[in-house]
Amino acid sequence: MESLENAIEVRHLRKAFGTLKAVDGIDFELKQGEFLTVFGPNGAGKTTLIKILAGLTQPS
């Protein structure tokens, strides 16, 4: 099996809005062909994470 480089690598990702920590220290990596499911309650930071990955929002 051939070793693939990471297509996405995230380390210590944080985003705060004032004193609210929307995303607090997320780490993950995905290789080409893998996928990630993000789920959680309202206000958990899912949309903020996707916006950061898409380049629409800057991390803190």
Foldseek 3Di string as FASTA:
>chain_A
DDDFDWPDWDFQFWAADVPRTQDGTDTDTHGPPDDDDDDDDPSNNPVVVVCCVVVNDPTD
